[in-house]
């Protein structure tokens, strides 16, 4: 798994639907089983940071209410806080409390994905 593989994977996933930071790492584990957990986590976290820096994804806080029947409402996390948010190890863990951090593609990220900006 290369850094570019991870960038493409994370951007595609973020274009398709919002997903939690923990889901990014879980998805990389199932999609790149040949890579070690350490490598997938390191490259996956770097891919998220890179895509945030490019402005192709954004961070949101989403309530964790499994089975409640209450629709999820995402709250945008200010871009000034993104670096701090992705630096907290617990934000990459499966939710245990009231909310979790998700990523979603921005308009620029969707355009970059559809234009193939990460293709060789």
N, C-alpha and C. Protein backbone atom coordinates (compact mmCIF):
# COMPACT_ATOMS: atom_id res chain seq x y z
N UNK A 1 0.85 -1.17 0.00
CA UNK A 1 0.00 0.00 0.00
C UNK A 1 0.90 1.24 0.00
N UNK A 2 0.69 2.10 -0.99
CA UNK A 2 1.46 3.34 -1.06
C UNK A 2 0.64 4.50 -0.48
N UNK A 3 1.32 5.61 -0.28
CA UNK A 3 0.60 6.80 0.18
C UNK A 3 -0.46 7.23 -0.83
N UNK A 4 -0.13 7.12 -2.11
CA UNK A 4 -1.09 7.49 -3.15
C UNK A 4 -2.30 6.54 -3.14
N UNK A 5 -2.06 5.24 -2.90
CA UNK A 5 -3.17 4.29 -2.76
C UNK A 5 -4.11 4.74 -1.65
N UNK A 6 -3.53 5.12 -0.51
CA UNK A 6 -4.34 5.54 0.63
C UNK A 6 -5.08 6.84 0.32
N UNK A 7 -4.42 7.79 -0.34
CA UNK A 7 -5.08 9.05 -0.71
C UNK A 7 -6.30 8.77 -1.59
N UNK A 8 -6.10 7.95 -2.61
CA UNK A 8 -7.21 7.62 -3.52
C UNK A 8 -8.35 6.94 -2.76
N UNK A 9 -7.99 5.98 -1.92
CA UNK A 9 -8.99 5.21 -1.18
C UNK A 9 -9.80 6.10 -0.26
N UNK A 10 -9.11 6.94 0.52
CA UNK A 10 -9.80 7.80 1.48
C UNK A 10 -10.66 8.83 0.76
N UNK A 11 -10.14 9.42 -0.30
CA UNK A 11 -10.94 10.41 -1.03
C UNK A 11 -12.17 9.75 -1.65
N UNK A 12 -12.01 8.59 -2.26
CA UNK A 12 -13.16 7.89 -2.85
C UNK A 12 -14.21 7.61 -1.78
N UNK A 13 -13.77 7.11 -0.64
CA UNK A 13 -14.70 6.80 0.45
C UNK A 13 -15.42 8.06 0.92
N UNK A 14 -14.68 9.17 1.04
CA UNK A 14 -15.29 10.42 1.52
C UNK A 14 -16.26 11.01 0.49
N UNK A 15 -16.03 10.74 -0.79
CA UNK A 15 -16.96 11.20 -1.82
C UNK A 15 -18.26 10.39 -1.75
N UNK A 16 -18.13 9.09 -1.49
CA UNK A 16 -19.30 8.21 -1.49
C UNK A 16 -20.23 8.46 -0.31
N UNK A 17 -19.66 8.68 0.87
CA UNK A 17 -20.47 8.91 2.07
C UNK A 17 -19.56 9.35 3.20
N UNK A 18 -20.10 10.10 4.16
CA UNK A 18 -19.28 10.47 5.33
C UNK A 18 -18.92 9.21 6.12
N UNK A 19 -17.71 9.17 6.62
CA UNK A 19 -17.33 8.05 7.45
C UNK A 19 -16.45 8.53 8.59
N UNK A 20 -16.52 7.79 9.69
CA UNK A 20 -15.75 8.15 10.87
C UNK A 20 -14.27 7.92 10.66
N UNK A 21 -13.45 8.63 11.43
CA UNK A 21 -12.01 8.41 11.35
C UNK A 21 -11.69 6.94 11.64
N UNK A 22 -12.38 6.35 12.60
CA UNK A 22 -12.15 4.94 12.91
C UNK A 22 -12.49 4.06 11.72
N UNK A 23 -13.52 4.44 10.95
CA UNK A 23 -13.92 3.66 9.78
C UNK A 23 -12.89 3.75 8.66
N UNK A 24 -12.19 4.88 8.57
CA UNK A 24 -11.11 5.01 7.59
C UNK A 24 -10.08 3.91 7.85
N UNK A 25 -9.66 3.78 9.10
CA UNK A 25 -8.64 2.79 9.43
C UNK A 25 -9.15 1.36 9.26
N UNK A 26 -10.39 1.11 9.67
CA UNK A 26 -10.97 -0.22 9.50
C UNK A 26 -11.06 -0.59 8.02
N UNK A 27 -11.49 0.37 7.19
CA UNK A 27 -11.64 0.11 5.76
C UNK A 27 -10.29 -0.17 5.11
N UNK A 28 -9.27 0.55 5.53
CA UNK A 28 -7.93 0.29 4.99
C UNK A 28 -7.45 -1.10 5.38
N UNK A 29 -7.79 -1.54 6.57
CA UNK A 29 -7.38 -2.88 7.01
C UNK A 29 -7.99 -3.96 6.13
N UNK A 30 -9.26 -3.80 5.77
CA UNK A 30 -9.90 -4.83 4.95
C UNK A 30 -9.51 -4.70 3.48
N UNK A 31 -9.18 -3.52 3.02
CA UNK A 31 -8.84 -3.32 1.61
C UNK A 31 -7.37 -3.57 1.29
N UNK A 32 -6.51 -3.46 2.30
CA UNK A 32 -5.07 -3.66 2.11
C UNK A 32 -4.55 -4.65 3.16
N UNK A 33 -5.02 -5.91 3.10
CA UNK A 33 -4.64 -6.87 4.14
C UNK A 33 -3.15 -7.21 4.14
N UNK A 34 -2.46 -6.97 3.02
CA UNK A 34 -1.03 -7.29 2.96
C UNK A 34 -0.18 -6.33 3.77
N UNK A 35 -0.69 -5.15 4.05
CA UNK A 35 0.05 -4.16 4.83
C UNK A 35 -0.11 -4.45 6.33
N UNK A 36 0.89 -4.07 7.09
CA UNK A 36 0.80 -4.26 8.54
C UNK A 36 -0.18 -3.24 9.13
N UNK A 37 -0.68 -3.53 10.32
CA UNK A 37 -1.57 -2.58 11.00
C UNK A 37 -0.86 -1.24 11.18
N UNK A 38 0.40 -1.30 11.55
CA UNK A 38 1.18 -0.08 11.77
C UNK A 38 1.24 0.74 10.48
N UNK A 39 1.56 0.09 9.37
CA UNK A 39 1.67 0.80 8.09
C UNK A 39 0.33 1.40 7.66
N UNK A 40 -0.73 0.60 7.77
CA UNK A 40 -2.06 1.11 7.38
C UNK A 40 -2.48 2.30 8.23
N UNK A 41 -2.25 2.21 9.52
CA UNK A 41 -2.63 3.32 10.41
C UNK A 41 -1.80 4.56 10.11
N UNK A 42 -0.50 4.39 9.95
CA UNK A 42 0.39 5.51 9.67
C UNK A 42 0.03 6.18 8.34
N UNK A 43 -0.10 5.37 7.29
CA UNK A 43 -0.39 5.91 5.96
C UNK A 43 -1.82 6.45 5.90
N UNK A 44 -2.76 5.79 6.56
CA UNK A 44 -4.15 6.26 6.57
C UNK A 44 -4.30 7.61 7.26
N UNK A 45 -3.65 7.76 8.39
CA UNK A 45 -3.71 9.04 9.12
C UNK A 45 -3.04 10.14 8.30
N UNK A 46 -1.93 9.81 7.65
CA UNK A 46 -1.24 10.79 6.80
C UNK A 46 -2.12 11.19 5.62
N UNK A 47 -2.85 10.24 5.05
CA UNK A 47 -3.74 10.54 3.92
C UNK A 47 -4.84 11.50 4.35
N UNK A 48 -5.42 11.28 5.51
CA UNK A 48 -6.47 12.18 6.00
C UNK A 48 -5.89 13.58 6.19
N UNK A 49 -4.72 13.68 6.80
CA UNK A 49 -4.10 15.00 7.00
C UNK A 49 -3.82 15.69 5.66
N UNK A 50 -3.30 14.93 4.70
CA UNK A 50 -2.99 15.48 3.38
C UNK A 50 -4.26 16.00 2.70
N UNK A 51 -5.32 15.20 2.73
CA UNK A 51 -6.58 15.62 2.09
C UNK A 51 -7.20 16.83 2.80
N UNK A 52 -7.05 16.91 4.12
CA UNK A 52 -7.50 18.10 4.84
C UNK A 52 -6.70 19.32 4.40
N UNK A 53 -5.37 19.15 4.30
CA UNK A 53 -4.52 20.27 3.88
C UNK A 53 -4.87 20.75 2.47
N UNK A 54 -5.26 19.84 1.60
CA UNK A 54 -5.64 20.20 0.23
C UNK A 54 -7.03 20.84 0.18
N UNK A 55 -7.79 20.69 1.27
CA UNK A 55 -9.16 21.21 1.29
C UNK A 55 -10.14 20.29 0.58
N UNK A 56 -9.76 19.02 0.40
CA UNK A 56 -10.60 18.07 -0.33
C UNK A 56 -11.55 17.29 0.57
N UNK A 57 -11.28 17.30 1.87
CA UNK A 57 -12.21 16.73 2.84
C UNK A 57 -12.34 17.72 3.99
N UNK A 58 -13.40 17.55 4.76
CA UNK A 58 -13.64 18.38 5.95
C UNK A 58 -13.99 17.45 7.10
N UNK A 59 -13.84 17.95 8.31
CA UNK A 59 -14.17 17.18 9.51
C UNK A 59 -15.51 17.63 10.09
N UNK A 60 -16.23 16.67 10.62
CA UNK A 60 -17.52 16.92 11.24
C UNK A 60 -17.61 16.13 12.54
N UNK A 61 -18.46 16.58 13.43
CA UNK A 61 -18.78 15.85 14.64
C UNK A 61 -20.18 15.29 14.45
N UNK A 62 -20.30 14.00 14.65
CA UNK A 62 -21.60 13.35 14.43
C UNK A 62 -22.02 12.63 15.70
N UNK A 63 -23.31 12.73 16.06
CA UNK A 63 -23.76 12.04 17.28
C UNK A 63 -23.67 10.52 17.12
N UNK A 64 -23.38 9.85 18.20
CA UNK A 64 -23.34 8.39 18.23
C UNK A 64 -24.56 7.92 18.98
N UNK A 65 -25.57 7.51 18.23
CA UNK A 65 -26.83 7.07 18.82
C UNK A 65 -27.32 5.81 18.12
N UNK A 66 -26.56 4.72 18.18
CA UNK A 66 -26.96 3.52 17.46
C UNK A 66 -28.32 3.00 17.91
N UNK A 67 -29.15 2.69 16.93
CA UNK A 67 -30.45 2.11 17.22
C UNK A 67 -31.46 3.06 17.83
N UNK A 68 -31.16 4.35 17.89
CA UNK A 68 -32.05 5.29 18.56
C UNK A 68 -33.19 5.75 17.67
N UNK A 69 -33.02 5.59 16.35
CA UNK A 69 -34.03 6.10 15.43
C UNK A 69 -33.94 7.60 15.24
N UNK A 70 -33.01 8.25 15.94
CA UNK A 70 -32.82 9.69 15.80
C UNK A 70 -31.89 9.92 14.62
N UNK A 71 -32.28 10.76 13.65
CA UNK A 71 -31.39 11.00 12.52
C UNK A 71 -30.10 11.68 12.96
N UNK A 72 -29.00 11.28 12.32
CA UNK A 72 -27.71 11.89 12.63
C UNK A 72 -27.63 13.28 12.03
N UNK A 73 -27.10 14.20 12.78
CA UNK A 73 -26.90 15.57 12.32
C UNK A 73 -25.43 15.90 12.50
N UNK A 74 -24.77 16.20 11.40
CA UNK A 74 -23.35 16.52 11.47
C UNK A 74 -23.16 17.99 11.80
N UNK A 75 -22.17 18.25 12.61
CA UNK A 75 -21.77 19.62 12.94
C UNK A 75 -20.37 19.82 12.40
N UNK A 76 -20.18 20.83 11.57
CA UNK A 76 -18.87 21.10 11.00
C UNK A 76 -17.88 21.49 12.09
N UNK A 77 -16.69 20.95 12.01
CA UNK A 77 -15.60 21.32 12.91
C UNK A 77 -14.82 22.42 12.20
N UNK A 78 -14.57 23.55 12.84
CA UNK A 78 -13.84 24.64 12.19
C UNK A 78 -12.47 24.17 11.69
N UNK A 79 -12.10 24.59 10.50
CA UNK A 79 -10.84 24.15 9.90
C UNK A 79 -9.63 24.51 10.78
N UNK A 80 -9.73 25.57 11.54
CA UNK A 80 -8.63 25.95 12.43
C UNK A 80 -8.37 24.88 13.49
N UNK A 81 -9.35 24.02 13.76
CA UNK A 81 -9.22 22.98 14.78
C UNK A 81 -8.84 21.61 14.21
N UNK A 82 -8.80 21.46 12.90
CA UNK A 82 -8.59 20.15 12.28
C UNK A 82 -7.31 19.47 12.73
N UNK A 83 -6.22 20.21 12.76
CA UNK A 83 -4.94 19.61 13.14
C UNK A 83 -5.00 19.06 14.56
N UNK A 84 -5.59 19.82 15.47
CA UNK A 84 -5.72 19.35 16.85
C UNK A 84 -6.62 18.12 16.93
N UNK A 85 -7.71 18.12 16.18
CA UNK A 85 -8.68 17.02 16.24
C UNK A 85 -8.05 15.72 15.76
N UNK A 86 -7.32 15.75 14.64
CA UNK A 86 -6.73 14.51 14.13
C UNK A 86 -5.50 14.08 14.93
N UNK A 87 -5.00 14.95 15.79
CA UNK A 87 -3.86 14.61 16.64
C UNK A 87 -4.26 13.87 17.91
N UNK A 88 -5.54 13.84 18.22
CA UNK A 88 -6.03 13.16 19.43
C UNK A 88 -6.27 11.68 19.10
N UNK A 89 -5.49 10.78 19.69
CA UNK A 89 -5.61 9.36 19.35
C UNK A 89 -7.03 8.80 19.53
N UNK A 90 -7.74 9.26 20.56
CA UNK A 90 -9.08 8.74 20.82
C UNK A 90 -10.07 9.07 19.69
N UNK A 91 -9.80 10.10 18.92
CA UNK A 91 -10.70 10.44 17.81
C UNK A 91 -10.64 9.43 16.68
N UNK A 92 -9.62 8.56 16.70
CA UNK A 92 -9.48 7.51 15.68
C UNK A 92 -10.05 6.18 16.17
N UNK A 93 -10.53 6.14 17.40
CA UNK A 93 -11.10 4.92 17.97
C UNK A 93 -12.59 4.85 17.68
N UNK A 94 -13.14 3.64 17.73
CA UNK A 94 -14.58 3.48 17.58
C UNK A 94 -15.28 4.28 18.66
N UNK A 95 -16.44 4.86 18.34
CA UNK A 95 -17.13 5.71 19.33
C UNK A 95 -17.54 4.92 20.57
N UNK A 96 -17.34 5.56 21.70
CA UNK A 96 -17.76 4.97 22.97
C UNK A 96 -18.71 5.89 23.71
N UNK A 97 -18.77 7.13 23.27
CA UNK A 97 -19.54 8.11 24.00
C UNK A 97 -20.63 8.71 23.12
N UNK A 98 -20.82 10.00 23.17
CA UNK A 98 -21.94 10.66 22.52
C UNK A 98 -21.72 11.01 21.05
N UNK A 99 -20.47 11.11 20.61
CA UNK A 99 -20.23 11.56 19.24
C UNK A 99 -18.90 11.03 18.73
N UNK A 100 -18.70 11.18 17.44
CA UNK A 100 -17.44 10.77 16.83
C UNK A 100 -17.12 11.70 15.66
N UNK A 101 -15.86 11.69 15.24
CA UNK A 101 -15.39 12.57 14.18
C UNK A 101 -15.53 11.85 12.84
N UNK A 102 -16.13 12.54 11.88
CA UNK A 102 -16.29 11.99 10.54
C UNK A 102 -15.59 12.88 9.52
N UNK A 103 -15.36 12.29 8.34
CA UNK A 103 -14.85 13.06 7.21
C UNK A 103 -15.87 12.99 6.09
N UNK A 104 -15.89 14.02 5.27
CA UNK A 104 -16.71 14.04 4.06
C UNK A 104 -15.98 14.89 3.04
N UNK A 105 -16.16 14.53 1.77
CA UNK A 105 -15.51 15.28 0.70
C UNK A 105 -16.14 16.66 0.58
N UNK A 106 -15.30 17.65 0.31
CA UNK A 106 -15.78 18.99 0.00
C UNK A 106 -16.11 19.05 -1.49
N UNK A 107 -16.64 20.17 -1.94
CA UNK A 107 -16.89 20.34 -3.36
C UNK A 107 -15.61 20.21 -4.17
N UNK A 108 -14.51 20.76 -3.64
CA UNK A 108 -13.22 20.66 -4.31
C UNK A 108 -12.74 19.22 -4.34
N UNK A 109 -12.98 18.49 -3.26
CA UNK A 109 -12.57 17.09 -3.22
C UNK A 109 -13.36 16.24 -4.20
N UNK A 110 -14.65 16.49 -4.30
CA UNK A 110 -15.47 15.75 -5.27
C UNK A 110 -15.01 16.04 -6.69
N UNK A 111 -14.71 17.30 -6.98
CA UNK A 111 -14.23 17.65 -8.32
C UNK A 111 -12.88 16.99 -8.59
N UNK A 112 -11.98 17.00 -7.61
CA UNK A 112 -10.67 16.38 -7.79
C UNK A 112 -10.81 14.88 -8.03
N UNK A 113 -11.72 14.25 -7.29
CA UNK A 113 -11.94 12.81 -7.47
C UNK A 113 -12.47 12.53 -8.87
N UNK A 114 -13.50 13.26 -9.29
CA UNK A 114 -14.11 13.02 -10.59
C UNK A 114 -13.20 13.41 -11.75
N UNK A 115 -12.30 14.36 -11.51
CA UNK A 115 -11.34 14.77 -12.54
C UNK A 115 -10.11 13.86 -12.58
N UNK A 116 -9.99 12.95 -11.61
CA UNK A 116 -8.86 12.03 -11.56
C UNK A 116 -7.56 12.69 -11.15
N UNK A 117 -7.64 13.71 -10.31
CA UNK A 117 -6.44 14.46 -9.91
C UNK A 117 -5.41 13.63 -9.14
N UNK A 118 -5.80 12.47 -8.62
CA UNK A 118 -4.85 11.62 -7.91
C UNK A 118 -4.39 10.46 -8.78
N UNK A 119 -4.84 10.40 -10.01
CA UNK A 119 -4.42 9.33 -10.92
C UNK A 119 -2.99 9.59 -11.41
N UNK A 120 -2.33 8.51 -11.74
CA UNK A 120 -0.95 8.65 -12.26
C UNK A 120 -0.94 9.26 -13.65
